[in-house]
Each structure stands twice: as structure tokens, then as C-alpha cells.
N, C-alpha and C. Protein backbone atom coordinates (compact mmCIF):
# COMPACT_ATOMS: atom_id res chain seq x y z
N MET A 1 53.00 -24.72 -58.41
CA MET A 1 51.82 -24.32 -59.13
C MET A 1 50.69 -25.28 -58.79
N PRO A 2 49.77 -24.87 -57.90
CA PRO A 2 48.64 -25.73 -57.56
C PRO A 2 47.68 -25.89 -58.73
N TYR A 3 47.13 -27.09 -58.84
CA TYR A 3 46.11 -27.40 -59.85
C TYR A 3 44.95 -28.04 -59.11
N VAL A 4 43.78 -27.44 -59.23
CA VAL A 4 42.58 -27.97 -58.58
C VAL A 4 41.55 -28.27 -59.65
N ASN A 5 41.00 -29.48 -59.60
CA ASN A 5 39.96 -29.88 -60.56
C ASN A 5 38.67 -30.10 -59.79
N ILE A 6 37.63 -29.35 -60.16
CA ILE A 6 36.31 -29.47 -59.55
C ILE A 6 35.40 -30.12 -60.58
N ARG A 7 34.71 -31.17 -60.16
CA ARG A 7 33.76 -31.83 -61.06
C ARG A 7 32.37 -31.73 -60.47
N VAL A 8 31.45 -31.26 -61.29
CA VAL A 8 30.06 -31.14 -60.89
C VAL A 8 29.20 -31.71 -62.00
N THR A 9 27.98 -32.11 -61.65
CA THR A 9 27.08 -32.54 -62.70
C THR A 9 26.60 -31.31 -63.47
N ARG A 10 26.34 -31.53 -64.75
CA ARG A 10 25.93 -30.44 -65.63
C ARG A 10 24.44 -30.17 -65.42
N GLU A 11 24.18 -29.28 -64.49
CA GLU A 11 22.79 -28.99 -64.15
C GLU A 11 22.59 -27.52 -63.81
N GLY A 12 23.02 -26.68 -64.68
CA GLY A 12 22.70 -25.27 -64.52
C GLY A 12 23.58 -24.49 -63.56
N VAL A 13 24.85 -24.86 -63.45
CA VAL A 13 25.76 -24.03 -62.66
C VAL A 13 26.03 -22.77 -63.48
N SER A 14 25.74 -21.63 -62.89
CA SER A 14 25.85 -20.38 -63.65
C SER A 14 27.31 -19.94 -63.79
N ARG A 15 27.52 -19.04 -64.71
CA ARG A 15 28.85 -18.45 -64.92
C ARG A 15 29.32 -17.75 -63.64
N GLU A 16 28.38 -17.09 -62.97
CA GLU A 16 28.71 -16.40 -61.73
C GLU A 16 29.12 -17.38 -60.62
N GLN A 17 28.42 -18.49 -60.53
CA GLN A 17 28.77 -19.50 -59.53
C GLN A 17 30.15 -20.10 -59.81
N LYS A 18 30.44 -20.34 -61.08
CA LYS A 18 31.76 -20.86 -61.43
C LYS A 18 32.86 -19.87 -61.08
N ALA A 19 32.61 -18.60 -61.37
CA ALA A 19 33.59 -17.57 -61.03
C ALA A 19 33.81 -17.52 -59.52
N GLU A 20 32.74 -17.68 -58.75
CA GLU A 20 32.85 -17.68 -57.30
C GLU A 20 33.65 -18.89 -56.80
N LEU A 21 33.41 -20.05 -57.41
CA LEU A 21 34.20 -21.24 -57.05
C LEU A 21 35.68 -21.03 -57.34
N ILE A 22 35.98 -20.52 -58.51
CA ILE A 22 37.38 -20.30 -58.91
C ILE A 22 38.06 -19.33 -57.95
N GLN A 23 37.40 -18.23 -57.65
CA GLN A 23 37.98 -17.24 -56.75
C GLN A 23 38.10 -17.80 -55.33
N GLY A 24 37.08 -18.51 -54.88
CA GLY A 24 37.09 -19.06 -53.53
C GLY A 24 38.17 -20.10 -53.32
N VAL A 25 38.34 -20.99 -54.28
CA VAL A 25 39.38 -22.02 -54.18
C VAL A 25 40.76 -21.38 -54.22
N THR A 26 40.93 -20.41 -55.11
CA THR A 26 42.20 -19.70 -55.19
C THR A 26 42.52 -19.03 -53.86
N ASN A 27 41.54 -18.33 -53.29
CA ASN A 27 41.74 -17.66 -52.00
C ASN A 27 42.07 -18.66 -50.89
N LEU A 28 41.41 -19.81 -50.90
CA LEU A 28 41.68 -20.84 -49.90
C LEU A 28 43.13 -21.31 -49.95
N LEU A 29 43.63 -21.54 -51.16
CA LEU A 29 45.02 -21.98 -51.31
C LEU A 29 46.00 -20.89 -50.88
N VAL A 30 45.65 -19.65 -51.13
CA VAL A 30 46.49 -18.53 -50.67
C VAL A 30 46.49 -18.48 -49.15
N ASP A 31 45.30 -18.53 -48.55
CA ASP A 31 45.16 -18.39 -47.09
C ASP A 31 45.73 -19.56 -46.31
N VAL A 32 45.49 -20.77 -46.78
CA VAL A 32 45.88 -21.96 -46.01
C VAL A 32 47.31 -22.40 -46.31
N LEU A 33 47.68 -22.35 -47.58
CA LEU A 33 48.99 -22.89 -47.98
C LEU A 33 49.99 -21.82 -48.41
N GLY A 34 49.53 -20.57 -48.46
CA GLY A 34 50.44 -19.50 -48.87
C GLY A 34 50.81 -19.56 -50.34
N LYS A 35 49.95 -20.13 -51.17
CA LYS A 35 50.25 -20.25 -52.60
C LYS A 35 50.05 -18.93 -53.33
N ASN A 36 50.77 -18.80 -54.42
CA ASN A 36 50.69 -17.61 -55.26
C ASN A 36 49.44 -17.71 -56.15
N PRO A 37 48.52 -16.77 -56.04
CA PRO A 37 47.30 -16.87 -56.85
C PRO A 37 47.56 -16.77 -58.35
N SER A 38 48.65 -16.12 -58.74
CA SER A 38 48.92 -15.99 -60.18
C SER A 38 49.39 -17.29 -60.81
N THR A 39 49.74 -18.29 -60.00
CA THR A 39 50.15 -19.58 -60.56
C THR A 39 49.19 -20.70 -60.14
N THR A 40 48.04 -20.33 -59.57
CA THR A 40 47.05 -21.31 -59.15
C THR A 40 46.05 -21.53 -60.28
N VAL A 41 45.87 -22.80 -60.65
CA VAL A 41 44.98 -23.18 -61.74
C VAL A 41 43.77 -23.91 -61.15
N VAL A 42 42.58 -23.46 -61.54
CA VAL A 42 41.34 -24.13 -61.13
C VAL A 42 40.56 -24.47 -62.39
N VAL A 43 40.19 -25.74 -62.53
CA VAL A 43 39.43 -26.20 -63.69
C VAL A 43 38.12 -26.78 -63.20
N ILE A 44 37.02 -26.39 -63.84
CA ILE A 44 35.71 -26.94 -63.51
C ILE A 44 35.24 -27.79 -64.68
N ASP A 45 35.01 -29.07 -64.40
CA ASP A 45 34.47 -29.98 -65.40
C ASP A 45 33.00 -30.23 -65.08
N GLU A 46 32.16 -30.08 -66.09
CA GLU A 46 30.75 -30.40 -65.93
C GLU A 46 30.49 -31.75 -66.60
N VAL A 47 29.92 -32.66 -65.83
CA VAL A 47 29.71 -34.02 -66.28
C VAL A 47 28.21 -34.29 -66.42
N GLU A 48 27.81 -34.86 -67.54
CA GLU A 48 26.41 -35.24 -67.72
C GLU A 48 26.02 -36.26 -66.65
N THR A 49 24.80 -36.19 -66.16
CA THR A 49 24.38 -37.11 -65.10
C THR A 49 24.37 -38.57 -65.56
N ASP A 50 24.26 -38.80 -66.86
CA ASP A 50 24.38 -40.18 -67.37
C ASP A 50 25.79 -40.72 -67.22
N ASN A 51 26.77 -39.83 -67.10
CA ASN A 51 28.18 -40.22 -67.01
C ASN A 51 28.72 -40.18 -65.60
N TRP A 52 27.85 -40.04 -64.61
CA TRP A 52 28.26 -39.96 -63.21
C TRP A 52 27.51 -41.05 -62.47
N GLY A 53 28.23 -41.98 -61.89
CA GLY A 53 27.58 -43.10 -61.23
C GLY A 53 27.83 -43.14 -59.74
N ILE A 54 26.81 -43.57 -59.01
CA ILE A 54 26.89 -43.76 -57.57
C ILE A 54 26.23 -45.09 -57.25
N ALA A 55 26.90 -45.93 -56.50
CA ALA A 55 26.33 -47.21 -56.05
C ALA A 55 25.81 -48.05 -57.21
N GLY A 56 26.54 -48.03 -58.31
CA GLY A 56 26.22 -48.91 -59.43
C GLY A 56 25.16 -48.39 -60.39
N GLU A 57 24.74 -47.15 -60.25
CA GLU A 57 23.77 -46.62 -61.20
C GLU A 57 24.06 -45.14 -61.46
N SER A 58 23.55 -44.67 -62.58
CA SER A 58 23.83 -43.28 -62.95
C SER A 58 23.02 -42.32 -62.07
N VAL A 59 23.52 -41.11 -61.97
CA VAL A 59 22.80 -40.07 -61.24
C VAL A 59 21.44 -39.83 -61.88
N THR A 60 21.36 -39.91 -63.20
CA THR A 60 20.09 -39.73 -63.90
C THR A 60 19.05 -40.70 -63.38
N VAL A 61 19.41 -41.98 -63.30
CA VAL A 61 18.47 -43.02 -62.83
C VAL A 61 18.10 -42.78 -61.37
N ARG A 62 19.07 -42.46 -60.55
CA ARG A 62 18.80 -42.22 -59.13
C ARG A 62 17.82 -41.07 -58.94
N ARG A 63 18.00 -40.02 -59.71
CA ARG A 63 17.12 -38.86 -59.57
C ARG A 63 15.73 -39.13 -60.12
N GLN A 64 15.65 -39.89 -61.20
CA GLN A 64 14.34 -40.25 -61.73
C GLN A 64 13.55 -41.09 -60.73
N ARG A 65 14.24 -41.95 -60.03
CA ARG A 65 13.60 -42.81 -59.04
C ARG A 65 13.05 -42.02 -57.86
N ARG A 66 13.71 -40.93 -57.52
CA ARG A 66 13.30 -40.09 -56.38
C ARG A 66 12.02 -39.30 -56.68
N GLN A 67 11.71 -39.11 -57.94
CA GLN A 67 10.56 -38.26 -58.30
C GLN A 67 9.25 -38.97 -58.12
């Protein structure tokens, strides 16, 4: 039973985009590894940009600096 966890920042990923990710990852595991789609689990976690850090600072700070 494959388990895939996708983490993205919480910035407006639509329901349709999430459905496409879930279907696409499931299809990839079927095509590449021959896994059964009925036992494939895909979880999408949305993380606030304040809780996601790169190079010692939050994504929020990095993006504010770019503006």
C-alpha cells in the first residue's frame, strides 16, 4: 500500500488542482511501479508560509523581501 505525502505552501491551491495531483500521483505509481490504485494513498498537506523555512528564514519573509 503506497503512501505519498505532498506538502505545499497554503497559497490558493484549488480543489481541482489537488484532485489532479492525487490522480496524477496515483497514475504514476500504477504506471511505474505497477501499484494497485485502490490501495494507493495520497495526502496533501498545506503549510502556512510562516511555518516553512528555507536557508534560515520563513517563506513569508523571503517573499516579502522580493517585493
